[in-house]
Amino acid sequence: MNNDKRKPRMVLNAEAMPKEIYDLLNEKAKSRRLTPYIIELVKKDLSNREIVAKLDMVSNNIDLILSKLNNVHFVQNSSHKENEKLKEGNVMSFDEVHGGISLEDLNDQWDF
């Protein structure tokens, strides 16, 4: 026996339904529009599930991008602060200072 064989009919438990849902489904059943109505509802539900899954994926991607962006800002701020620090150098002291005036400077005319 084939397990994929469809049942010709399915049963809905009317006792478990709220009155307004029962009334709507009963109206559709009387006008022979219940099957297309249920098919359309299930298609919409499946489509909504797919949309929600894609939105979750987009949301996760946005969170990932934002976390990477925050890391980039943190690295940039850290390197900027390092550049603001004074660089250490060597301190030199001289005991003797040599200076003098060249003959060339003496021969020039004074401008003051």
Protein backbone atom coordinates (compact mmCIF):
# COMPACT_ATOMS: atom_id res chain seq x y z
CA MET A 1 0.00 0.00 0.00
CA ASN A 2 1.28 3.45 -0.95
CA ASN A 3 1.74 5.82 2.03
CA ASP A 4 1.55 8.94 -0.21
CA LYS A 5 -2.07 8.35 -1.06
CA ARG A 6 -4.19 11.32 -0.06
CA LYS A 7 -7.33 10.99 1.94
CA PRO A 8 -10.33 12.22 -0.04
CA ARG A 9 -11.61 14.19 2.95
CA MET A 10 -10.26 15.76 6.11
CA VAL A 11 -12.18 16.56 9.25
CA LEU A 12 -12.15 19.78 11.26
CA ASN A 13 -13.17 19.63 14.92
CA ALA A 14 -15.84 22.33 15.15
CA GLU A 15 -16.09 22.06 18.94
CA ALA A 16 -12.51 23.37 19.31
CA MET A 17 -13.17 26.49 17.18
CA PRO A 18 -14.23 29.93 18.35
CA LYS A 19 -17.75 30.80 17.15
CA GLU A 20 -16.68 33.50 14.68
CA ILE A 21 -14.21 31.13 12.98
CA TYR A 22 -16.80 28.35 12.85
CA ASP A 23 -19.36 30.72 11.31
CA LEU A 24 -16.93 31.88 8.63
CA LEU A 25 -15.80 28.34 7.73
CA ASN A 26 -19.38 27.07 7.75
CA GLU A 27 -20.40 29.86 5.36
CA LYS A 28 -17.52 28.92 3.02
CA ALA A 29 -18.45 25.23 3.23
CA LYS A 30 -22.09 25.91 2.32
CA SER A 31 -21.04 27.83 -0.78
CA ARG A 32 -18.44 25.16 -1.71
CA ARG A 33 -15.58 27.63 -1.29
CA LEU A 34 -14.03 26.11 1.83
CA THR A 35 -11.27 24.12 0.08
CA PRO A 36 -9.97 27.04 -2.03
CA TYR A 37 -10.21 29.29 1.04
CA ILE A 38 -8.14 26.93 3.21
CA ILE A 39 -5.61 26.41 0.39
CA GLU A 40 -5.18 30.18 0.08
CA LEU A 41 -4.77 30.58 3.86
CA VAL A 42 -2.11 27.86 3.99
CA LYS A 43 -0.24 29.37 1.02
CA LYS A 44 -0.22 32.75 2.77
CA ASP A 45 1.00 31.13 5.99
CA LEU A 46 3.84 29.35 4.17
CA SER A 47 4.76 32.58 2.40
CA ASN A 48 4.76 34.46 5.72
CA ARG A 49 7.03 31.82 7.26
CA GLU A 50 9.47 32.23 4.37
CA ILE A 51 9.39 36.03 4.73
CA VAL A 52 10.00 35.81 8.50
CA ALA A 53 12.94 33.44 7.93
CA LYS A 54 14.46 35.87 5.42
CA LEU A 55 13.88 38.81 7.78
CA ASP A 56 15.64 36.89 10.55
CA MET A 57 18.58 36.29 8.21
CA VAL A 58 18.68 39.99 7.23
CA SER A 59 18.50 41.00 10.89
CA ASN A 60 21.40 38.69 11.74
CA ASN A 61 23.43 40.13 8.84
CA ILE A 62 22.71 43.68 10.02
CA ASP A 63 23.82 42.76 13.56
CA LEU A 64 27.03 41.26 12.15
CA ILE A 65 27.73 44.36 10.04
CA LEU A 66 27.09 46.67 13.01
CA SER A 67 29.41 44.66 15.26
CA LYS A 68 32.15 44.79 12.61
CA LEU A 69 31.57 48.53 12.21
CA ASN A 70 31.89 49.03 15.98
CA ASN A 71 35.17 47.06 15.91
CA VAL A 72 36.48 49.27 13.10
CA HIS A 73 35.57 52.43 15.05
CA PHE A 74 37.25 51.03 18.16
CA VAL A 75 40.46 50.24 16.25
CA GLN A 76 40.46 53.68 14.59
CA ASN A 77 39.92 55.43 17.94
CA SER A 78 42.68 53.39 19.56
CA SER A 79 45.20 54.19 16.83
CA HIS A 80 44.21 57.88 16.91
CA LYS A 81 44.81 58.02 20.68
CA GLU A 82 48.21 56.37 20.25
CA ASN A 83 49.20 59.04 17.74
CA GLU A 84 48.23 61.76 20.22
CA LYS A 85 50.70 60.47 22.82
CA LEU A 86 54.10 62.12 22.94
CA LYS A 87 56.87 60.11 21.41
CA GLU A 88 59.77 59.38 23.69
CA GLY A 89 63.16 60.54 22.57
CA ASN A 90 66.68 60.95 23.86
CA VAL A 91 67.52 63.81 26.16
CA MET A 92 70.95 65.26 25.42
CA SER A 93 72.87 67.77 27.43
CA PHE A 94 75.85 69.76 26.29
CA ASP A 95 78.49 71.09 28.61
CA GLU A 96 80.18 73.32 26.07
CA VAL A 97 78.55 75.61 23.59
CA HIS A 98 80.68 76.93 20.74
CA GLY A 99 79.71 80.03 18.85
CA GLY A 100 81.24 82.76 16.90
CA ILE A 101 80.97 85.32 14.15
CA SER A 102 82.37 84.73 10.73
CA LEU A 103 84.38 87.37 8.92
CA GLU A 104 81.78 87.38 6.22
CA ASP A 105 79.19 88.51 8.74
CA LEU A 106 81.42 91.35 9.87
CA ASN A 107 81.90 92.70 6.36
CA ASP A 108 78.19 92.85 5.59
CA GLN A 109 76.34 96.06 6.09
CA TRP A 110 74.18 96.33 9.08
CA ASP A 111 70.46 96.66 8.49
CA PHE A 112 69.51 97.95 11.90
